[in-house]
């Protein structure tokens, strides 16, 4: 049975276990969108790991972990958009308007657990997490596999289908092969969005 929990200091060891020695994608430690290009390069894998550890230690929740019978098997990065300054510099993910949004920027699923809809469960949990956090809206930046072949490396931001099935709508597609900006409006945080 899959359960999903926020990454808090007491779950840091679980996130490290999931990401492994390689730090998920090539030592990224899910900091690609959080750090500027020069800062990201200069930090190296160890510095990126420390940056994410610092985020968790100060009490910010950088994402959610999926567990299968207590074992961490998946991750989704979700936070207010301003936690991800690199989104603003990309022509594909720059802001569409001035609506304050939360952003879903990354998924990481253990290879042996892929194809079990864990990413979709994480996506649904990210929407709920943002809603509870007071978000008016939440965005994602998935690829559309109908317009180009998507490699596992490309898919770290997700693919379009699960976002549509979870109530997101396309907001911008700046080139035919770019990431698609999708958004879901959220209701009053005190009530469940339908």
N, C-alpha and C. Protein backbone atom coordinates (compact mmCIF):
# COMPACT_ATOMS: atom_id res chain seq x y z
N UNK A 1 0.83 -1.18 0.00
CA UNK A 1 0.00 0.00 0.00
C UNK A 1 0.88 1.25 0.00
N UNK A 2 0.55 2.20 -0.88
CA UNK A 2 1.31 3.44 -1.00
C UNK A 2 0.77 4.47 -0.03
N UNK A 3 1.67 5.07 0.75
CA UNK A 3 1.33 6.20 1.60
C UNK A 3 2.25 7.35 1.20
N UNK A 4 1.80 8.57 1.41
CA UNK A 4 2.57 9.75 1.00
C UNK A 4 2.68 10.70 2.17
N UNK A 5 3.92 11.16 2.41
CA UNK A 5 4.21 12.02 3.56
C UNK A 5 5.08 13.19 3.14
N UNK A 6 4.96 14.34 3.82
CA UNK A 6 5.85 15.47 3.54
C UNK A 6 7.27 15.18 4.01
N UNK A 7 8.25 15.75 3.32
CA UNK A 7 9.63 15.59 3.74
C UNK A 7 9.91 16.61 4.85
N UNK A 8 10.09 16.09 6.03
CA UNK A 8 10.40 16.86 7.23
C UNK A 8 11.75 16.37 7.74
N UNK A 9 12.36 17.07 8.69
CA UNK A 9 13.68 16.62 9.16
C UNK A 9 13.73 15.16 9.57
N UNK A 10 12.67 14.64 10.17
CA UNK A 10 12.69 13.23 10.59
C UNK A 10 12.58 12.27 9.41
N UNK A 11 12.32 12.77 8.21
CA UNK A 11 12.26 11.90 7.02
C UNK A 11 13.43 12.14 6.07
N UNK A 12 14.37 12.98 6.46
CA UNK A 12 15.51 13.27 5.59
C UNK A 12 16.27 12.00 5.22
N UNK A 13 16.49 11.10 6.18
CA UNK A 13 17.20 9.86 5.88
C UNK A 13 16.47 9.04 4.82
N UNK A 14 15.14 9.09 4.81
CA UNK A 14 14.37 8.37 3.81
C UNK A 14 14.60 8.97 2.42
N UNK A 15 14.65 10.31 2.36
CA UNK A 15 14.90 10.97 1.07
C UNK A 15 16.29 10.63 0.56
N UNK A 16 17.28 10.62 1.45
CA UNK A 16 18.63 10.23 1.06
C UNK A 16 18.67 8.79 0.55
N UNK A 17 17.95 7.91 1.21
CA UNK A 17 17.90 6.51 0.79
C UNK A 17 17.27 6.39 -0.59
N UNK A 18 16.20 7.15 -0.82
CA UNK A 18 15.54 7.11 -2.13
C UNK A 18 16.47 7.64 -3.22
N UNK A 19 17.08 8.79 -3.00
CA UNK A 19 17.93 9.41 -4.01
C UNK A 19 19.23 8.66 -4.23
N UNK A 20 19.70 7.96 -3.21
CA UNK A 20 20.93 7.18 -3.33
C UNK A 20 22.17 8.06 -3.41
N UNK A 21 23.30 7.40 -3.58
CA UNK A 21 24.58 8.11 -3.62
C UNK A 21 24.66 9.09 -4.79
N UNK A 22 23.91 8.81 -5.86
CA UNK A 22 23.95 9.69 -7.04
C UNK A 22 23.07 10.92 -6.88
N UNK A 23 22.30 11.01 -5.80
CA UNK A 23 21.49 12.21 -5.59
C UNK A 23 20.36 12.35 -6.59
N UNK A 24 19.71 11.24 -6.93
CA UNK A 24 18.62 11.18 -7.91
C UNK A 24 19.21 11.35 -9.30
N UNK A 25 18.90 12.44 -9.99
CA UNK A 25 19.39 12.64 -11.36
C UNK A 25 20.79 13.24 -11.34
N UNK A 26 21.79 12.45 -11.58
CA UNK A 26 23.17 12.93 -11.76
C UNK A 26 23.62 13.93 -10.71
N UNK A 27 23.34 13.64 -9.47
CA UNK A 27 23.77 14.52 -8.39
C UNK A 27 22.98 15.80 -8.26
N UNK A 28 21.79 15.82 -8.79
CA UNK A 28 20.96 17.04 -8.77
C UNK A 28 20.44 17.37 -7.37
N UNK A 29 20.05 16.34 -6.62
CA UNK A 29 19.44 16.53 -5.31
C UNK A 29 18.24 17.47 -5.40
N UNK A 30 17.56 17.44 -6.53
CA UNK A 30 16.35 18.23 -6.77
C UNK A 30 16.57 19.72 -6.50
N UNK A 31 17.70 20.22 -6.96
CA UNK A 31 18.01 21.64 -6.79
C UNK A 31 18.12 22.38 -8.12
N UNK A 32 17.87 21.69 -9.23
CA UNK A 32 18.00 22.31 -10.55
C UNK A 32 17.19 23.60 -10.66
N UNK A 33 15.96 23.58 -10.21
CA UNK A 33 15.10 24.76 -10.31
C UNK A 33 15.33 25.73 -9.16
N UNK A 34 15.94 25.26 -8.06
CA UNK A 34 16.14 26.09 -6.87
C UNK A 34 17.38 26.98 -6.95
N UNK A 35 18.38 26.58 -7.71
CA UNK A 35 19.65 27.29 -7.76
C UNK A 35 19.88 27.87 -9.16
N UNK A 36 20.56 29.01 -9.21
CA UNK A 36 20.97 29.56 -10.49
C UNK A 36 22.00 28.66 -11.15
N UNK A 37 22.21 28.83 -12.44
CA UNK A 37 23.09 27.97 -13.21
C UNK A 37 24.51 27.93 -12.64
N UNK A 38 25.11 29.09 -12.40
CA UNK A 38 26.48 29.13 -11.88
C UNK A 38 26.55 28.54 -10.47
N UNK A 39 25.58 28.87 -9.65
CA UNK A 39 25.54 28.35 -8.28
C UNK A 39 25.38 26.83 -8.29
N UNK A 40 24.53 26.32 -9.19
CA UNK A 40 24.29 24.89 -9.29
C UNK A 40 25.58 24.17 -9.69
N UNK A 41 26.26 24.70 -10.69
CA UNK A 41 27.51 24.08 -11.16
C UNK A 41 28.58 24.11 -10.07
N UNK A 42 28.73 25.26 -9.42
CA UNK A 42 29.77 25.41 -8.40
C UNK A 42 29.53 24.52 -7.19
N UNK A 43 28.27 24.27 -6.87
CA UNK A 43 27.95 23.49 -5.67
C UNK A 43 28.37 22.04 -5.77
N UNK A 44 28.32 21.48 -6.96
CA UNK A 44 28.59 20.05 -7.11
C UNK A 44 27.55 19.24 -6.36
N UNK A 45 27.63 17.94 -6.48
CA UNK A 45 26.63 17.08 -5.86
C UNK A 45 26.57 17.26 -4.35
N UNK A 46 27.72 17.36 -3.69
CA UNK A 46 27.73 17.50 -2.23
C UNK A 46 27.09 18.82 -1.79
N UNK A 47 27.37 19.89 -2.51
CA UNK A 47 26.78 21.19 -2.18
C UNK A 47 25.29 21.22 -2.43
N UNK A 48 24.85 20.55 -3.48
CA UNK A 48 23.41 20.48 -3.78
C UNK A 48 22.68 19.69 -2.70
N UNK A 49 23.29 18.59 -2.28
CA UNK A 49 22.72 17.79 -1.19
C UNK A 49 22.58 18.66 0.06
N UNK A 50 23.62 19.41 0.36
CA UNK A 50 23.59 20.26 1.56
C UNK A 50 22.53 21.35 1.42
N UNK A 51 22.38 21.91 0.22
CA UNK A 51 21.35 22.94 0.02
C UNK A 51 19.96 22.39 0.34
N UNK A 52 19.66 21.20 -0.20
CA UNK A 52 18.34 20.61 0.06
C UNK A 52 18.20 20.23 1.53
N UNK A 53 19.27 19.73 2.14
CA UNK A 53 19.23 19.40 3.57
C UNK A 53 18.94 20.65 4.40
N UNK A 54 19.53 21.78 4.01
CA UNK A 54 19.29 23.04 4.72
C UNK A 54 17.83 23.48 4.60
N UNK A 55 17.24 23.30 3.43
CA UNK A 55 15.83 23.64 3.22
C UNK A 55 14.97 22.84 4.20
N UNK A 56 15.24 21.54 4.27
CA UNK A 56 14.46 20.66 5.15
C UNK A 56 14.71 21.02 6.61
N UNK A 57 15.96 21.25 6.97
CA UNK A 57 16.32 21.53 8.36
C UNK A 57 15.66 22.81 8.88
N UNK A 58 15.49 23.80 8.01
CA UNK A 58 14.87 25.05 8.49
C UNK A 58 13.34 24.94 8.57
N UNK A 59 12.81 23.78 8.22
CA UNK A 59 11.38 23.53 8.39
C UNK A 59 10.54 23.72 7.15
N UNK A 60 11.15 24.06 6.02
CA UNK A 60 10.41 24.13 4.76
C UNK A 60 10.21 22.71 4.24
N UNK A 61 9.10 22.46 3.63
CA UNK A 61 8.82 21.14 3.04
C UNK A 61 9.06 21.25 1.54
N UNK A 62 10.15 20.67 1.03
CA UNK A 62 10.46 20.80 -0.39
C UNK A 62 9.71 19.81 -1.28
N UNK A 63 9.02 18.85 -0.67
CA UNK A 63 8.31 17.87 -1.46
C UNK A 63 7.72 16.77 -0.61
N UNK A 64 7.23 15.75 -1.29
CA UNK A 64 6.54 14.64 -0.65
C UNK A 64 7.21 13.33 -1.05
N UNK A 65 7.19 12.38 -0.12
CA UNK A 65 7.73 11.05 -0.37
C UNK A 65 6.59 10.04 -0.43
N UNK A 66 6.69 9.12 -1.38
CA UNK A 66 5.77 7.98 -1.45
C UNK A 66 6.48 6.79 -0.82
N UNK A 67 5.74 6.07 0.01
CA UNK A 67 6.26 4.88 0.67
C UNK A 67 5.43 3.67 0.24
N UNK A 68 6.11 2.56 0.02
CA UNK A 68 5.45 1.29 -0.24
C UNK A 68 5.82 0.38 0.93
N UNK A 69 4.84 0.13 1.81
CA UNK A 69 5.09 -0.65 3.03
C UNK A 69 6.29 -0.13 3.81
N UNK A 70 6.36 1.20 3.96
CA UNK A 70 7.38 1.82 4.78
C UNK A 70 8.69 2.13 4.07
N UNK A 71 8.84 1.67 2.84
CA UNK A 71 10.07 1.90 2.09
C UNK A 71 9.86 3.06 1.13
N UNK A 72 10.75 4.11 1.13
CA UNK A 72 10.58 5.23 0.21
C UNK A 72 10.79 4.80 -1.24
N UNK A 73 9.80 5.07 -2.09
CA UNK A 73 9.88 4.63 -3.49
C UNK A 73 9.65 5.76 -4.49
N UNK A 74 9.21 6.94 -4.03
CA UNK A 74 8.96 8.03 -4.96
C UNK A 74 8.99 9.38 -4.29
N UNK A 75 9.14 10.40 -5.10
CA UNK A 75 9.30 11.79 -4.66
C UNK A 75 8.63 12.71 -5.64
N UNK A 76 8.04 13.79 -5.13
CA UNK A 76 7.59 14.90 -5.95
C UNK A 76 8.03 16.18 -5.26
N UNK A 77 8.62 17.10 -6.02
CA UNK A 77 9.00 18.42 -5.50
C UNK A 77 7.82 19.35 -5.71
N UNK A 78 7.39 19.99 -4.65
CA UNK A 78 6.27 20.94 -4.72
C UNK A 78 6.48 22.02 -3.68
N UNK A 79 6.36 23.27 -4.10
CA UNK A 79 6.56 24.40 -3.20
C UNK A 79 6.03 25.65 -3.89
N UNK A 80 5.91 26.75 -3.16
CA UNK A 80 5.56 28.00 -3.83
C UNK A 80 6.57 28.30 -4.94
N UNK A 81 6.09 28.85 -6.03
CA UNK A 81 6.93 29.09 -7.21
C UNK A 81 8.19 29.88 -6.88
N UNK A 82 8.11 30.80 -5.93
CA UNK A 82 9.29 31.62 -5.64
C UNK A 82 10.45 30.81 -5.05
N UNK A 83 10.22 29.55 -4.68
CA UNK A 83 11.31 28.67 -4.24
C UNK A 83 12.16 28.20 -5.43
N UNK A 84 11.66 28.43 -6.64
CA UNK A 84 12.30 27.93 -7.85
C UNK A 84 12.64 29.09 -8.81
N UNK A 85 13.66 29.89 -8.50
CA UNK A 85 13.95 31.05 -9.34
C UNK A 85 14.32 30.72 -10.78
N UNK A 86 14.85 29.53 -11.03
CA UNK A 86 15.24 29.19 -12.40
C UNK A 86 14.02 29.06 -13.33
N UNK A 87 12.84 28.79 -12.76
CA UNK A 87 11.63 28.74 -13.60
C UNK A 87 11.42 30.06 -14.33
N UNK A 88 11.74 31.17 -13.67
CA UNK A 88 11.51 32.49 -14.25
C UNK A 88 12.46 32.80 -15.39
N UNK A 89 13.60 32.12 -15.45
CA UNK A 89 14.59 32.40 -16.48
C UNK A 89 14.45 31.53 -17.72
N UNK A 90 13.65 30.49 -17.63
CA UNK A 90 13.47 29.61 -18.79
C UNK A 90 12.38 30.15 -19.71
N UNK A 91 12.63 30.21 -21.01
CA UNK A 91 11.58 30.67 -21.91
C UNK A 91 10.37 29.72 -21.93
N UNK A 92 10.57 28.47 -21.52
CA UNK A 92 9.48 27.50 -21.53
C UNK A 92 8.62 27.56 -20.27
N UNK A 93 9.21 28.02 -19.15
CA UNK A 93 8.50 27.98 -17.87
C UNK A 93 8.34 29.35 -17.21
N UNK A 94 8.71 30.41 -17.93
CA UNK A 94 8.56 31.75 -17.34
C UNK A 94 7.10 31.99 -16.99
N UNK A 95 6.82 32.94 -16.06
CA UNK A 95 5.44 33.16 -15.64
C UNK A 95 4.52 33.51 -16.81
N UNK A 96 3.32 32.99 -16.75
CA UNK A 96 2.30 33.27 -17.76
C UNK A 96 1.54 34.54 -17.38
N UNK A 97 1.36 34.74 -16.08
CA UNK A 97 0.64 35.90 -15.56
C UNK A 97 1.11 36.16 -14.14
N UNK A 98 0.41 36.99 -13.41
CA UNK A 98 0.86 37.32 -12.05
C UNK A 98 0.10 36.59 -10.95
N UNK A 99 -0.61 35.52 -11.31
CA UNK A 99 -1.30 34.72 -10.30
C UNK A 99 -0.25 34.03 -9.43
N UNK A 100 -0.34 34.16 -8.09
CA UNK A 100 0.62 33.45 -7.24
C UNK A 100 0.32 31.95 -7.26
N UNK A 101 1.32 31.17 -7.63
CA UNK A 101 1.11 29.72 -7.77
C UNK A 101 2.15 28.95 -6.99
N UNK A 102 1.83 27.70 -6.70
CA UNK A 102 2.80 26.72 -6.27
C UNK A 102 3.19 25.94 -7.52
N UNK A 103 4.36 25.34 -7.50
CA UNK A 103 4.87 24.62 -8.67
C UNK A 103 5.28 23.20 -8.31
N UNK A 104 5.00 22.31 -9.24
CA UNK A 104 5.46 20.93 -9.19
C UNK A 104 6.58 20.84 -10.21
N UNK A 105 7.80 20.59 -9.74
CA UNK A 105 8.95 20.67 -10.64
C UNK A 105 9.67 19.36 -10.91
N UNK A 106 9.43 18.33 -10.10
CA UNK A 106 10.22 17.12 -10.28
C UNK A 106 9.53 15.90 -9.70
N UNK A 107 9.72 14.78 -10.38
CA UNK A 107 9.32 13.47 -9.88
C UNK A 107 10.55 12.56 -9.92
N UNK A 108 10.64 11.68 -8.95
CA UNK A 108 11.69 10.66 -8.95
C UNK A 108 11.06 9.38 -8.40
N UNK A 109 10.98 8.37 -9.22
CA UNK A 109 10.39 7.09 -8.82
C UNK A 109 11.48 6.02 -9.00
N UNK A 110 11.65 5.19 -7.99
CA UNK A 110 12.60 4.09 -8.13
C UNK A 110 12.24 3.28 -9.37
N UNK A 111 13.27 2.90 -10.09
CA UNK A 111 13.08 2.20 -11.37
C UNK A 111 12.14 1.00 -11.25
N UNK A 112 12.33 0.20 -10.21
CA UNK A 112 11.51 -1.02 -10.08
C UNK A 112 10.06 -0.72 -9.69
N UNK A 113 9.75 0.52 -9.37
CA UNK A 113 8.39 0.90 -9.00
C UNK A 113 7.70 1.74 -10.08
N UNK A 114 8.38 2.01 -11.18
CA UNK A 114 7.77 2.79 -12.26
C UNK A 114 6.69 1.97 -12.94
N UNK A 115 5.71 2.66 -13.49
CA UNK A 115 4.59 1.99 -14.16
C UNK A 115 3.49 1.55 -13.21
N UNK A 116 3.56 1.98 -11.95
CA UNK A 116 2.54 1.60 -10.96
C UNK A 116 1.67 2.78 -10.55
N UNK A 117 1.72 3.86 -11.31
CA UNK A 117 0.92 5.07 -11.07
C UNK A 117 1.31 5.79 -9.78
N UNK A 118 2.54 5.56 -9.31
CA UNK A 118 3.01 6.25 -8.12
C UNK A 118 3.15 7.74 -8.40
N UNK A 119 3.62 8.10 -9.59
CA UNK A 119 3.74 9.53 -9.93
C UNK A 119 2.37 10.21 -9.89
N UNK A 120 1.34 9.52 -10.36
CA UNK A 120 0.00 10.10 -10.32
C UNK A 120 -0.48 10.28 -8.89
N UNK A 121 -0.19 9.32 -8.04
CA UNK A 121 -0.56 9.46 -6.63
C UNK A 121 0.20 10.61 -5.98
N UNK A 122 1.47 10.76 -6.33
CA UNK A 122 2.25 11.88 -5.82
C UNK A 122 1.70 13.21 -6.33
N UNK A 123 1.30 13.24 -7.58
CA UNK A 123 0.71 14.45 -8.16
C UNK A 123 -0.55 14.85 -7.41
N UNK A 124 -1.42 13.89 -7.17
CA UNK A 124 -2.66 14.18 -6.43
C UNK A 124 -2.35 14.68 -5.02
N UNK A 125 -1.35 14.07 -4.38
CA UNK A 125 -0.97 14.49 -3.03
C UNK A 125 -0.35 15.88 -3.05
N UNK A 126 0.39 16.21 -4.10
CA UNK A 126 1.00 17.55 -4.22
C UNK A 126 -0.08 18.62 -4.33
N UNK A 127 -1.15 18.31 -5.07
CA UNK A 127 -2.26 19.25 -5.17
C UNK A 127 -2.87 19.50 -3.80
N UNK A 128 -3.11 18.43 -3.06
CA UNK A 128 -3.68 18.55 -1.71
C UNK A 128 -2.74 19.32 -0.78
N UNK A 129 -1.45 19.03 -0.88
CA UNK A 129 -0.46 19.70 -0.04
C UNK A 129 -0.45 21.21 -0.32
N UNK A 130 -0.45 21.58 -1.58
CA UNK A 130 -0.46 23.01 -1.94
C UNK A 130 -1.75 23.67 -1.47
N UNK A 131 -2.86 22.96 -1.62
CA UNK A 131 -4.16 23.49 -1.18
C UNK A 131 -4.14 23.77 0.31
N UNK A 132 -3.65 22.79 1.09
CA UNK A 132 -3.55 22.98 2.54
C UNK A 132 -2.59 24.11 2.90
N UNK A 133 -1.60 24.33 2.04
CA UNK A 133 -0.63 25.40 2.27
C UNK A 133 -1.12 26.78 1.88
N UNK A 134 -2.35 26.85 1.36
CA UNK A 134 -2.94 28.14 1.02
C UNK A 134 -2.80 28.56 -0.42
N UNK A 135 -2.35 27.65 -1.30
CA UNK A 135 -2.18 28.02 -2.71
C UNK A 135 -3.51 28.33 -3.39
N UNK A 136 -3.51 29.36 -4.22
CA UNK A 136 -4.67 29.68 -5.06
C UNK A 136 -4.70 28.79 -6.29
N UNK A 137 -3.49 28.41 -6.74
CA UNK A 137 -3.37 27.61 -7.94
C UNK A 137 -2.04 26.86 -7.88
N UNK A 138 -1.96 25.81 -8.67
CA UNK A 138 -0.73 25.01 -8.73
C UNK A 138 -0.42 24.74 -10.19
N UNK A 139 0.87 24.82 -10.53
CA UNK A 139 1.30 24.60 -11.90
C UNK A 139 2.24 23.41 -12.00
N UNK A 140 2.33 22.88 -13.21
CA UNK A 140 3.31 21.86 -13.55
C UNK A 140 3.88 22.20 -14.91
N UNK A 141 4.97 21.53 -15.29
CA UNK A 141 5.69 21.84 -16.52
C UNK A 141 6.06 20.55 -17.25
N UNK A 142 5.07 19.70 -17.51
CA UNK A 142 5.34 18.39 -18.09
C UNK A 142 5.63 18.45 -19.59
N UNK A 143 6.18 17.36 -20.09
CA UNK A 143 6.33 17.16 -21.52
C UNK A 143 5.08 16.48 -22.07
N UNK A 144 4.82 16.74 -23.34
CA UNK A 144 3.72 16.08 -24.04
C UNK A 144 4.33 15.00 -24.94
N UNK A 145 4.21 13.72 -24.56
CA UNK A 145 4.82 12.67 -25.37
C UNK A 145 4.19 12.52 -26.75
N UNK A 146 3.05 13.17 -27.00
CA UNK A 146 2.44 13.11 -28.33
C UNK A 146 3.19 13.99 -29.33
N UNK A 147 3.97 14.95 -28.84
CA UNK A 147 4.66 15.86 -29.75
C UNK A 147 6.14 15.57 -29.89
N UNK A 148 6.69 14.78 -28.97
CA UNK A 148 8.09 14.39 -29.08
C UNK A 148 8.34 13.18 -28.19
N UNK A 149 9.36 12.44 -28.55
CA UNK A 149 9.74 11.29 -27.73
C UNK A 149 10.31 11.81 -26.41
N UNK A 150 9.85 11.24 -25.31
CA UNK A 150 10.27 11.69 -23.99
C UNK A 150 11.14 10.62 -23.36
N UNK A 151 12.38 10.98 -23.04
CA UNK A 151 13.28 10.05 -22.37
C UNK A 151 12.99 10.07 -20.87
N UNK A 152 13.54 9.11 -20.16
CA UNK A 152 13.37 9.08 -18.70
C UNK A 152 13.95 10.35 -18.09
N UNK A 153 15.05 10.86 -18.65
CA UNK A 153 15.65 12.09 -18.14
C UNK A 153 14.72 13.29 -18.36
N UNK A 154 14.04 13.34 -19.51
CA UNK A 154 13.09 14.43 -19.77
C UNK A 154 11.90 14.38 -18.82
N UNK A 155 11.50 13.18 -18.46
CA UNK A 155 10.26 12.97 -17.72
C UNK A 155 10.35 13.39 -16.26
N UNK A 156 11.48 13.94 -15.83
CA UNK A 156 11.58 14.33 -14.42
C UNK A 156 10.55 15.39 -14.06
N UNK A 157 10.07 16.17 -15.01
CA UNK A 157 9.02 17.16 -14.72
C UNK A 157 7.63 16.58 -14.91
N UNK A 158 7.56 15.34 -15.32
CA UNK A 158 6.27 14.68 -15.54
C UNK A 158 5.89 14.67 -17.01
N UNK A 159 4.85 13.91 -17.31
CA UNK A 159 4.28 13.89 -18.65
C UNK A 159 2.84 14.37 -18.55
N UNK A 160 2.31 14.83 -19.65
CA UNK A 160 1.07 15.58 -19.67
C UNK A 160 -0.17 14.82 -19.20
N UNK A 161 -0.32 13.57 -19.58
CA UNK A 161 -1.54 12.82 -19.29
C UNK A 161 -1.98 12.83 -17.83
N UNK A 162 -1.11 12.47 -16.89
CA UNK A 162 -1.53 12.48 -15.48
C UNK A 162 -1.98 13.87 -14.99
N UNK A 163 -1.36 14.92 -15.51
CA UNK A 163 -1.79 16.26 -15.11
C UNK A 163 -3.21 16.53 -15.58
N UNK A 164 -3.52 16.18 -16.82
CA UNK A 164 -4.89 16.38 -17.32
C UNK A 164 -5.88 15.55 -16.50
N UNK A 165 -5.51 14.29 -16.21
CA UNK A 165 -6.41 13.43 -15.44
C UNK A 165 -6.61 13.92 -14.01
N UNK A 166 -5.73 14.79 -13.54
CA UNK A 166 -5.80 15.30 -12.18
C UNK A 166 -6.41 16.71 -12.15
N UNK A 167 -6.99 17.13 -13.26
CA UNK A 167 -7.72 18.40 -13.28
C UNK A 167 -6.94 19.62 -13.71
N UNK A 168 -5.73 19.44 -14.21
CA UNK A 168 -4.95 20.58 -14.73
C UNK A 168 -5.41 20.92 -16.13
N UNK A 169 -5.24 22.18 -16.50
CA UNK A 169 -5.56 22.64 -17.85
C UNK A 169 -4.31 23.26 -18.46
N UNK A 170 -4.19 23.12 -19.78
CA UNK A 170 -3.05 23.71 -20.47
C UNK A 170 -3.17 25.23 -20.45
N UNK A 171 -2.07 25.88 -20.09
CA UNK A 171 -2.05 27.33 -19.99
C UNK A 171 -1.16 27.94 -21.06
N UNK A 172 -0.04 27.28 -21.36
CA UNK A 172 0.88 27.79 -22.37
C UNK A 172 1.70 26.65 -22.95
N UNK A 173 1.97 26.79 -24.25
CA UNK A 173 2.85 25.86 -24.96
C UNK A 173 3.65 26.75 -25.88
N UNK A 174 4.82 27.11 -25.44
CA UNK A 174 5.55 28.19 -26.10
C UNK A 174 6.24 27.74 -27.39
N UNK A 175 6.51 26.46 -27.54
CA UNK A 175 6.93 25.89 -28.82
C UNK A 175 6.30 24.50 -28.87
N UNK A 176 6.16 23.96 -30.05
CA UNK A 176 5.49 22.66 -30.15
C UNK A 176 6.16 21.55 -29.34
N UNK A 177 7.47 21.63 -29.13
CA UNK A 177 8.16 20.55 -28.43
C UNK A 177 8.60 20.93 -27.03
N UNK A 178 8.21 22.10 -26.56
CA UNK A 178 8.64 22.52 -25.23
C UNK A 178 7.80 21.87 -24.14
N UNK A 179 8.19 22.13 -22.93
CA UNK A 179 7.34 21.76 -21.81
C UNK A 179 6.03 22.52 -21.94
N UNK A 180 4.99 21.91 -21.45
CA UNK A 180 3.68 22.54 -21.44
C UNK A 180 3.46 23.11 -20.05
N UNK A 181 3.00 24.35 -19.96
CA UNK A 181 2.66 24.92 -18.66
C UNK A 181 1.19 24.58 -18.41
N UNK A 182 0.94 23.86 -17.33
CA UNK A 182 -0.42 23.47 -16.96
C UNK A 182 -0.72 24.02 -15.57
N UNK A 183 -2.00 24.31 -15.33
CA UNK A 183 -2.38 24.89 -14.05
C UNK A 183 -3.71 24.32 -13.59
N UNK A 184 -3.82 24.21 -12.29
CA UNK A 184 -5.09 23.85 -11.68
C UNK A 184 -5.42 24.91 -10.64
N UNK A 185 -6.58 25.50 -10.77
CA UNK A 185 -7.06 26.46 -9.77
C UNK A 185 -7.51 25.67 -8.55
N UNK A 186 -7.26 26.24 -7.37
CA UNK A 186 -7.65 25.60 -6.14
C UNK A 186 -8.66 26.48 -5.43
N UNK A 187 -9.58 25.86 -4.72
CA UNK A 187 -10.60 26.60 -3.99
C UNK A 187 -10.08 27.12 -2.67
N UNK A 188 -10.96 27.51 -1.82
CA UNK A 188 -10.64 27.96 -0.48
C UNK A 188 -9.89 26.85 0.25
N UNK A 189 -8.69 27.15 0.82
CA UNK A 189 -7.92 26.12 1.50
C UNK A 189 -8.67 25.43 2.64
N UNK A 190 -9.69 26.07 3.17
CA UNK A 190 -10.47 25.46 4.24
C UNK A 190 -11.45 24.42 3.74
N UNK A 191 -11.61 24.36 2.41
CA UNK A 191 -12.54 23.39 1.83
C UNK A 191 -11.81 22.58 0.77
N UNK A 192 -12.24 21.39 0.59
CA UNK A 192 -11.65 20.52 -0.42
C UNK A 192 -12.06 21.00 -1.80
N UNK A 193 -11.07 21.11 -2.70
CA UNK A 193 -11.33 21.50 -4.09
C UNK A 193 -11.98 20.33 -4.82
N UNK A 194 -12.98 20.60 -5.61
CA UNK A 194 -13.60 19.51 -6.37
C UNK A 194 -13.37 19.65 -7.83
